[in-house]
Amino acid sequence: MISLSYKIRGLPEEDAERFVEQLAKNKEQLIKALARERLNTTEEGLSKPLVSAFSGALSTAVGALIPIIPFFFMAGIPAVIVAAIVSLIAHFAVGAAKSLITIRSWWSSGLEMTIVGAVEGLVTYVIGIGIGKIGSGQ
């Protein structure tokens, strides 16, 4: 896979194979090369903690905002149902997009993320019901 990247850039097939074999002998070098090729990043790009923290916080905020959007326009059970559907679609989209940097198919990765999101939502709902009953003294 990585040798194909070097072949596409014009490295002769034998040289690309030899280069990858050399990389494979040192696990750390291979991981760095894979990160550069698959993630289009460098060690320097990964060593910026403020950028990483900001992008993590921003993506979490956007992800948390998506399921509450229906509540700006609706109320009650219909809003909960729409929020669940919107959230599951967003989970599938993120999972499918994740396949761009993994070797899994887009539908498999999307389905996996959707199942994780559904279980997460169910667990959160059950915890919320439990907390609600404790708070109301039942």
N, C-alpha and C. Protein backbone atom coordinates (compact mmCIF):
# COMPACT_ATOMS: atom_id res chain seq x y z
N MET A 1 0.82 -1.18 0.00
CA MET A 1 0.00 0.00 0.00
C MET A 1 0.87 1.26 0.00
N ILE A 2 1.81 1.34 0.90
CA ILE A 2 2.65 2.54 0.97
C ILE A 2 3.61 2.59 -0.23
N SER A 3 4.00 1.42 -0.70
CA SER A 3 4.90 1.41 -1.86
C SER A 3 4.18 1.95 -3.09
N LEU A 4 2.87 1.73 -3.19
CA LEU A 4 2.08 2.26 -4.30
C LEU A 4 2.14 3.77 -4.32
N SER A 5 2.11 4.38 -3.15
CA SER A 5 2.19 5.83 -3.05
C SER A 5 3.51 6.34 -3.65
N TYR A 6 4.59 5.63 -3.34
CA TYR A 6 5.89 6.03 -3.87
C TYR A 6 5.98 5.77 -5.37
N LYS A 7 5.36 4.70 -5.84
CA LYS A 7 5.35 4.41 -7.28
C LYS A 7 4.59 5.49 -8.04
N ILE A 8 3.47 5.92 -7.48
CA ILE A 8 2.68 6.97 -8.13
C ILE A 8 3.48 8.26 -8.25
N ARG A 9 4.33 8.51 -7.29
CA ARG A 9 5.16 9.72 -7.32
C ARG A 9 6.35 9.59 -8.25
N GLY A 10 6.49 8.43 -8.89
CA GLY A 10 7.53 8.28 -9.89
C GLY A 10 8.71 7.43 -9.50
N LEU A 11 8.72 6.88 -8.30
CA LEU A 11 9.82 6.01 -7.89
C LEU A 11 9.67 4.66 -8.60
N PRO A 12 10.74 4.15 -9.20
CA PRO A 12 10.64 2.84 -9.86
C PRO A 12 10.16 1.76 -8.89
N GLU A 13 9.44 0.78 -9.40
CA GLU A 13 8.81 -0.25 -8.58
C GLU A 13 9.80 -0.94 -7.64
N GLU A 14 10.96 -1.33 -8.16
CA GLU A 14 11.95 -2.02 -7.32
C GLU A 14 12.43 -1.13 -6.18
N ASP A 15 12.68 0.14 -6.50
CA ASP A 15 13.14 1.09 -5.48
C ASP A 15 12.07 1.32 -4.42
N ALA A 16 10.83 1.43 -4.86
CA ALA A 16 9.74 1.66 -3.91
C ALA A 16 9.60 0.46 -2.97
N GLU A 17 9.67 -0.74 -3.53
CA GLU A 17 9.56 -1.95 -2.70
C GLU A 17 10.72 -2.04 -1.71
N ARG A 18 11.94 -1.75 -2.19
CA ARG A 18 13.12 -1.80 -1.34
C ARG A 18 13.03 -0.76 -0.22
N PHE A 19 12.56 0.42 -0.57
CA PHE A 19 12.43 1.49 0.42
C PHE A 19 11.44 1.10 1.51
N VAL A 20 10.32 0.52 1.12
CA VAL A 20 9.31 0.10 2.10
C VAL A 20 9.83 -1.05 2.96
N GLU A 21 10.58 -1.96 2.36
CA GLU A 21 11.18 -3.04 3.15
C GLU A 21 12.11 -2.47 4.22
N GLN A 22 12.89 -1.46 3.87
CA GLN A 22 13.78 -0.82 4.83
C GLN A 22 12.97 -0.15 5.95
N LEU A 23 11.88 0.53 5.56
CA LEU A 23 11.03 1.17 6.56
C LEU A 23 10.43 0.14 7.52
N ALA A 24 10.03 -1.01 6.97
CA ALA A 24 9.38 -2.04 7.77
C ALA A 24 10.31 -2.63 8.83
N LYS A 25 11.60 -2.51 8.63
CA LYS A 25 12.55 -3.04 9.61
C LYS A 25 12.55 -2.22 10.90
N ASN A 26 12.18 -0.95 10.81
CA ASN A 26 12.12 -0.09 11.99
C ASN A 26 10.66 0.35 12.16
N LYS A 27 10.00 -0.21 13.16
CA LYS A 27 8.57 0.03 13.38
C LYS A 27 8.25 1.52 13.52
N GLU A 28 9.09 2.25 14.24
CA GLU A 28 8.84 3.67 14.45
C GLU A 28 8.89 4.45 13.13
N GLN A 29 9.88 4.14 12.29
CA GLN A 29 9.98 4.80 10.98
C GLN A 29 8.77 4.47 10.12
N LEU A 30 8.33 3.21 10.17
CA LEU A 30 7.18 2.79 9.37
C LEU A 30 5.92 3.54 9.80
N ILE A 31 5.71 3.67 11.09
CA ILE A 31 4.53 4.38 11.59
C ILE A 31 4.56 5.84 11.17
N LYS A 32 5.73 6.47 11.25
CA LYS A 32 5.85 7.87 10.83
C LYS A 32 5.57 8.01 9.33
N ALA A 33 6.09 7.07 8.54
CA ALA A 33 5.86 7.11 7.09
C ALA A 33 4.39 6.91 6.77
N LEU A 34 3.75 5.97 7.46
CA LEU A 34 2.32 5.74 7.25
C LEU A 34 1.51 6.97 7.63
N ALA A 35 1.87 7.62 8.73
CA ALA A 35 1.17 8.84 9.14
C ALA A 35 1.31 9.92 8.09
N ARG A 36 2.52 10.07 7.56
CA ARG A 36 2.72 11.07 6.51
C ARG A 36 1.89 10.76 5.29
N GLU A 37 1.87 9.49 4.88
CA GLU A 37 1.17 9.11 3.66
C GLU A 37 -0.34 9.10 3.82
N ARG A 38 -0.83 8.45 4.87
CA ARG A 38 -2.27 8.26 5.03
C ARG A 38 -2.96 9.47 5.62
N LEU A 39 -2.33 10.15 6.57
CA LEU A 39 -2.96 11.26 7.25
C LEU A 39 -2.51 12.61 6.71
N ASN A 40 -1.56 12.58 5.79
CA ASN A 40 -1.01 13.79 5.21
C ASN A 40 -0.55 14.75 6.31
N THR A 41 0.22 14.20 7.24
CA THR A 41 0.68 15.01 8.36
C THR A 41 2.14 14.71 8.65
N THR A 42 2.72 15.50 9.48
CA THR A 42 4.11 15.31 9.88
C THR A 42 4.19 15.34 11.40
N GLU A 43 5.34 14.95 11.92
CA GLU A 43 5.54 15.00 13.37
C GLU A 43 5.41 16.43 13.87
N GLU A 44 5.91 17.38 13.10
CA GLU A 44 5.82 18.77 13.52
C GLU A 44 4.37 19.21 13.61
N GLY A 45 3.55 18.74 12.67
CA GLY A 45 2.13 19.10 12.68
C GLY A 45 1.40 18.50 13.86
N LEU A 46 1.86 17.36 14.33
CA LEU A 46 1.22 16.71 15.47
C LEU A 46 1.70 17.25 16.80
N SER A 47 2.77 18.03 16.79
CA SER A 47 3.35 18.49 18.04
C SER A 47 2.88 19.89 18.43
N LYS A 48 1.69 20.27 18.00
CA LYS A 48 1.14 21.58 18.34
C LYS A 48 -0.04 21.37 19.28
N PRO A 49 0.22 21.33 20.58
CA PRO A 49 -0.84 20.98 21.52
C PRO A 49 -2.02 21.96 21.53
N LEU A 50 -1.77 23.25 21.33
CA LEU A 50 -2.87 24.21 21.34
C LEU A 50 -3.79 23.99 20.14
N VAL A 51 -3.21 23.73 18.99
CA VAL A 51 -4.01 23.45 17.80
C VAL A 51 -4.82 22.17 18.00
N SER A 52 -4.18 21.14 18.55
CA SER A 52 -4.88 19.88 18.82
C SER A 52 -6.01 20.08 19.82
N ALA A 53 -5.74 20.83 20.87
CA ALA A 53 -6.76 21.08 21.89
C ALA A 53 -7.93 21.87 21.31
N PHE A 54 -7.62 22.90 20.53
CA PHE A 54 -8.69 23.72 19.94
C PHE A 54 -9.53 22.90 18.96
N SER A 55 -8.87 22.11 18.10
CA SER A 55 -9.64 21.33 17.13
C SER A 55 -10.46 20.25 17.83
N GLY A 56 -9.92 19.67 18.91
CA GLY A 56 -10.69 18.69 19.68
C GLY A 56 -11.90 19.32 20.35
N ALA A 57 -11.71 20.49 20.93
CA ALA A 57 -12.81 21.19 21.60
C ALA A 57 -13.87 21.62 20.59
N LEU A 58 -13.44 22.13 19.45
CA LEU A 58 -14.38 22.58 18.43
C LEU A 58 -15.19 21.41 17.87
N SER A 59 -14.51 20.31 17.57
CA SER A 59 -15.24 19.16 17.03
C SER A 59 -16.21 18.58 18.05
N THR A 60 -15.84 18.59 19.34
CA THR A 60 -16.74 18.12 20.39
C THR A 60 -17.95 19.04 20.50
N ALA A 61 -17.72 20.34 20.44
CA ALA A 61 -18.83 21.30 20.52
C ALA A 61 -19.80 21.14 19.35
N VAL A 62 -19.27 21.00 18.16
CA VAL A 62 -20.13 20.81 16.99
C VAL A 62 -20.90 19.49 17.10
N GLY A 63 -20.20 18.44 17.52
CA GLY A 63 -20.85 17.15 17.69
C GLY A 63 -21.94 17.17 18.74
N ALA A 64 -21.74 17.94 19.80
CA ALA A 64 -22.75 18.04 20.86
C ALA A 64 -23.92 18.91 20.44
N LEU A 65 -23.69 19.85 19.54
CA LEU A 65 -24.75 20.76 19.09
C LEU A 65 -25.73 20.07 18.14
N ILE A 66 -25.24 19.15 17.33
CA ILE A 66 -26.08 18.52 16.31
C ILE A 66 -27.36 17.91 16.87
N PRO A 67 -27.30 17.09 17.92
CA PRO A 67 -28.53 16.47 18.40
C PRO A 67 -29.53 17.43 19.06
N ILE A 68 -29.10 18.62 19.48
CA ILE A 68 -30.05 19.52 20.13
C ILE A 68 -30.71 20.50 19.16
N ILE A 69 -30.27 20.53 17.91
CA ILE A 69 -30.86 21.44 16.93
C ILE A 69 -32.37 21.24 16.79
N PRO A 70 -32.89 20.01 16.72
CA PRO A 70 -34.35 19.86 16.60
C PRO A 70 -35.13 20.52 17.74
N PHE A 71 -34.54 20.63 18.93
CA PHE A 71 -35.25 21.22 20.06
C PHE A 71 -35.43 22.73 19.93
N PHE A 72 -34.74 23.36 18.99
CA PHE A 72 -34.95 24.78 18.72
C PHE A 72 -36.25 24.99 17.93
N PHE A 73 -36.72 23.94 17.26
CA PHE A 73 -37.88 24.05 16.39
C PHE A 73 -39.06 23.19 16.82
N MET A 74 -38.83 22.25 17.74
CA MET A 74 -39.87 21.31 18.15
C MET A 74 -39.80 21.11 19.66
N ALA A 75 -40.76 20.31 20.16
CA ALA A 75 -40.76 19.99 21.59
C ALA A 75 -41.28 18.58 21.79
N GLY A 76 -41.02 18.02 22.96
CA GLY A 76 -41.57 16.73 23.34
C GLY A 76 -40.96 15.55 22.60
N ILE A 77 -41.75 14.48 22.52
CA ILE A 77 -41.31 13.22 21.91
C ILE A 77 -40.92 13.40 20.44
N PRO A 78 -41.68 14.18 19.62
CA PRO A 78 -41.24 14.37 18.23
C PRO A 78 -39.82 14.94 18.13
N ALA A 79 -39.48 15.87 19.01
CA ALA A 79 -38.13 16.45 19.00
C ALA A 79 -37.09 15.40 19.38
N VAL A 80 -37.43 14.53 20.34
CA VAL A 80 -36.50 13.47 20.75
C VAL A 80 -36.26 12.51 19.59
N ILE A 81 -37.33 12.15 18.88
CA ILE A 81 -37.21 11.22 17.75
C ILE A 81 -36.36 11.84 16.64
N VAL A 82 -36.64 13.09 16.29
CA VAL A 82 -35.86 13.77 15.24
C VAL A 82 -34.41 13.92 15.67
N ALA A 83 -34.18 14.26 16.94
CA ALA A 83 -32.81 14.39 17.45
C ALA A 83 -32.07 13.06 17.35
N ALA A 84 -32.75 11.96 17.67
CA ALA A 84 -32.12 10.64 17.57
C ALA A 84 -31.77 10.32 16.12
N ILE A 85 -32.67 10.60 15.21
CA ILE A 85 -32.42 10.33 13.78
C ILE A 85 -31.26 11.18 13.28
N VAL A 86 -31.28 12.47 13.60
CA VAL A 86 -30.20 13.38 13.17
C VAL A 86 -28.86 12.91 13.75
N SER A 87 -28.87 12.51 15.01
CA SER A 87 -27.64 12.06 15.67
C SER A 87 -27.11 10.79 15.01
N LEU A 88 -27.99 9.83 14.71
CA LEU A 88 -27.55 8.59 14.07
C LEU A 88 -27.01 8.84 12.67
N ILE A 89 -27.65 9.74 11.94
CA ILE A 89 -27.14 10.09 10.60
C ILE A 89 -25.76 10.74 10.71
N ALA A 90 -25.59 11.62 11.70
CA ALA A 90 -24.28 12.26 11.91
C ALA A 90 -23.23 11.22 12.29
N HIS A 91 -23.60 10.26 13.16
CA HIS A 91 -22.67 9.20 13.51
C HIS A 91 -22.27 8.39 12.28
N PHE A 92 -23.24 8.06 11.43
CA PHE A 92 -22.92 7.30 10.22
C PHE A 92 -21.97 8.10 9.32
N ALA A 93 -22.25 9.39 9.16
CA ALA A 93 -21.40 10.23 8.31
C ALA A 93 -19.97 10.30 8.84
N VAL A 94 -19.83 10.44 10.15
CA VAL A 94 -18.48 10.49 10.74
C VAL A 94 -17.78 9.15 10.55
N GLY A 95 -18.50 8.06 10.77
CA GLY A 95 -17.91 6.73 10.57
C GLY A 95 -17.49 6.50 9.13
N ALA A 96 -18.35 6.92 8.19
CA ALA A 96 -18.02 6.77 6.78
C ALA A 96 -16.80 7.62 6.42
N ALA A 97 -16.74 8.83 6.96
CA ALA A 97 -15.58 9.70 6.70
C ALA A 97 -14.32 9.11 7.30
N LYS A 98 -14.46 8.43 8.44
CA LYS A 98 -13.31 7.81 9.09
C LYS A 98 -12.66 6.77 8.18
N SER A 99 -13.43 6.20 7.29
CA SER A 99 -12.89 5.17 6.38
C SER A 99 -11.85 5.74 5.43
N LEU A 100 -11.79 7.06 5.30
CA LEU A 100 -10.78 7.68 4.44
C LEU A 100 -9.37 7.47 4.98
N ILE A 101 -9.24 7.25 6.30
CA ILE A 101 -7.92 7.06 6.88
C ILE A 101 -7.73 5.66 7.45
N THR A 102 -8.71 4.81 7.24
CA THR A 102 -8.57 3.41 7.65
C THR A 102 -8.71 2.52 6.43
N ILE A 103 -8.54 1.25 6.60
CA ILE A 103 -8.64 0.34 5.46
C ILE A 103 -10.01 -0.31 5.36
N ARG A 104 -10.95 0.10 6.22
CA ARG A 104 -12.29 -0.48 6.23
C ARG A 104 -13.17 0.19 5.19
N SER A 105 -14.24 -0.51 4.79
CA SER A 105 -15.17 0.08 3.83
C SER A 105 -15.99 1.18 4.51
N TRP A 106 -16.50 2.12 3.73
CA TRP A 106 -17.22 3.26 4.28
C TRP A 106 -18.50 2.82 4.97
N TRP A 107 -19.21 1.85 4.41
CA TRP A 107 -20.48 1.43 5.02
C TRP A 107 -20.24 0.68 6.32
N SER A 108 -19.17 -0.13 6.37
CA SER A 108 -18.86 -0.87 7.58
C SER A 108 -18.46 0.09 8.70
N SER A 109 -17.62 1.04 8.38
CA SER A 109 -17.17 2.02 9.36
C SER A 109 -18.34 2.90 9.80
N GLY A 110 -19.19 3.29 8.86
CA GLY A 110 -20.37 4.09 9.20
C GLY A 110 -21.35 3.33 10.07
N LEU A 111 -21.57 2.06 9.76
CA LEU A 111 -22.48 1.24 10.55
C LEU A 111 -21.95 1.04 11.97
N GLU A 112 -20.65 0.80 12.07
CA GLU A 112 -20.04 0.63 13.39
C GLU A 112 -20.25 1.88 14.24
N MET A 113 -20.00 3.04 13.67
CA MET A 113 -20.15 4.29 14.41
C MET A 113 -21.62 4.54 14.76
N THR A 114 -22.52 4.16 13.88
CA THR A 114 -23.95 4.32 14.15
C THR A 114 -24.39 3.44 15.32
N ILE A 115 -23.91 2.20 15.35
CA ILE A 115 -24.25 1.29 16.45
C ILE A 115 -23.69 1.83 17.77
N VAL A 116 -22.46 2.30 17.74
CA VAL A 116 -21.87 2.89 18.94
C VAL A 116 -22.70 4.08 19.41
N GLY A 117 -23.11 4.93 18.48
CA GLY A 117 -23.92 6.09 18.82
C GLY A 117 -25.27 5.70 19.39
N ALA A 118 -25.89 4.65 18.82
CA ALA A 118 -27.20 4.19 19.32
C ALA A 118 -27.07 3.64 20.74
N VAL A 119 -26.05 2.84 20.98
CA VAL A 119 -25.84 2.29 22.33
C VAL A 119 -25.55 3.43 23.31
N GLU A 120 -24.71 4.35 22.90
CA GLU A 120 -24.38 5.50 23.74
C GLU A 120 -25.64 6.31 24.08
N GLY A 121 -26.48 6.55 23.09
CA GLY A 121 -27.72 7.28 23.31
C GLY A 121 -28.67 6.55 24.24
N LEU A 122 -28.78 5.23 24.07
CA LEU A 122 -29.65 4.42 24.92
C LEU A 122 -29.16 4.44 26.37
N VAL A 123 -27.86 4.26 26.56
CA VAL A 123 -27.30 4.28 27.91
C VAL A 123 -27.53 5.64 28.56
N THR A 124 -27.29 6.70 27.81
CA THR A 124 -27.50 8.06 28.34
C THR A 124 -28.96 8.28 28.70
N TYR A 125 -29.87 7.79 27.87
CA TYR A 125 -31.31 7.92 28.13
C TYR A 125 -31.69 7.20 29.42
N VAL A 126 -31.22 5.97 29.58
CA VAL A 126 -31.52 5.17 30.78
C VAL A 126 -30.95 5.85 32.02
N ILE A 127 -29.74 6.36 31.93
CA ILE A 127 -29.15 7.08 33.07
C ILE A 127 -29.98 8.32 33.40
N GLY A 128 -30.42 9.04 32.37
CA GLY A 128 -31.25 10.23 32.59
C GLY A 128 -32.56 9.89 33.27
N ILE A 129 -33.20 8.79 32.84
CA ILE A 129 -34.44 8.35 33.47
C ILE A 129 -34.18 8.02 34.94
N GLY A 130 -33.08 7.28 35.20
CA GLY A 130 -32.74 6.93 36.58
C GLY A 130 -32.49 8.15 37.44
N ILE A 131 -31.75 9.10 36.93
CA ILE A 131 -31.47 10.33 37.69
C ILE A 131 -32.76 11.11 37.93
N GLY A 132 -33.62 11.11 36.93
CA GLY A 132 -34.91 11.81 37.07
C GLY A 132 -35.77 11.20 38.18
N LYS A 133 -35.75 9.88 38.28
CA LYS A 133 -36.54 9.22 39.33
C LYS A 133 -35.94 9.47 40.71
N ILE A 134 -34.61 9.49 40.78
CA ILE A 134 -33.94 9.76 42.06
C ILE A 134 -34.24 11.19 42.50
N GLY A 135 -34.17 12.11 41.55
CA GLY A 135 -34.40 13.52 41.86
C GLY A 135 -35.83 13.82 42.25
N SER A 136 -36.79 13.04 41.73
CA SER A 136 -38.19 13.29 42.07
C SER A 136 -38.64 12.50 43.30
N GLY A 137 -37.74 11.70 43.87
CA GLY A 137 -38.03 10.97 45.09
C GLY A 137 -38.83 9.70 44.89
N GLN A 138 -38.90 9.18 43.70
CA GLN A 138 -39.65 7.95 43.44
C GLN A 138 -38.84 6.73 43.72
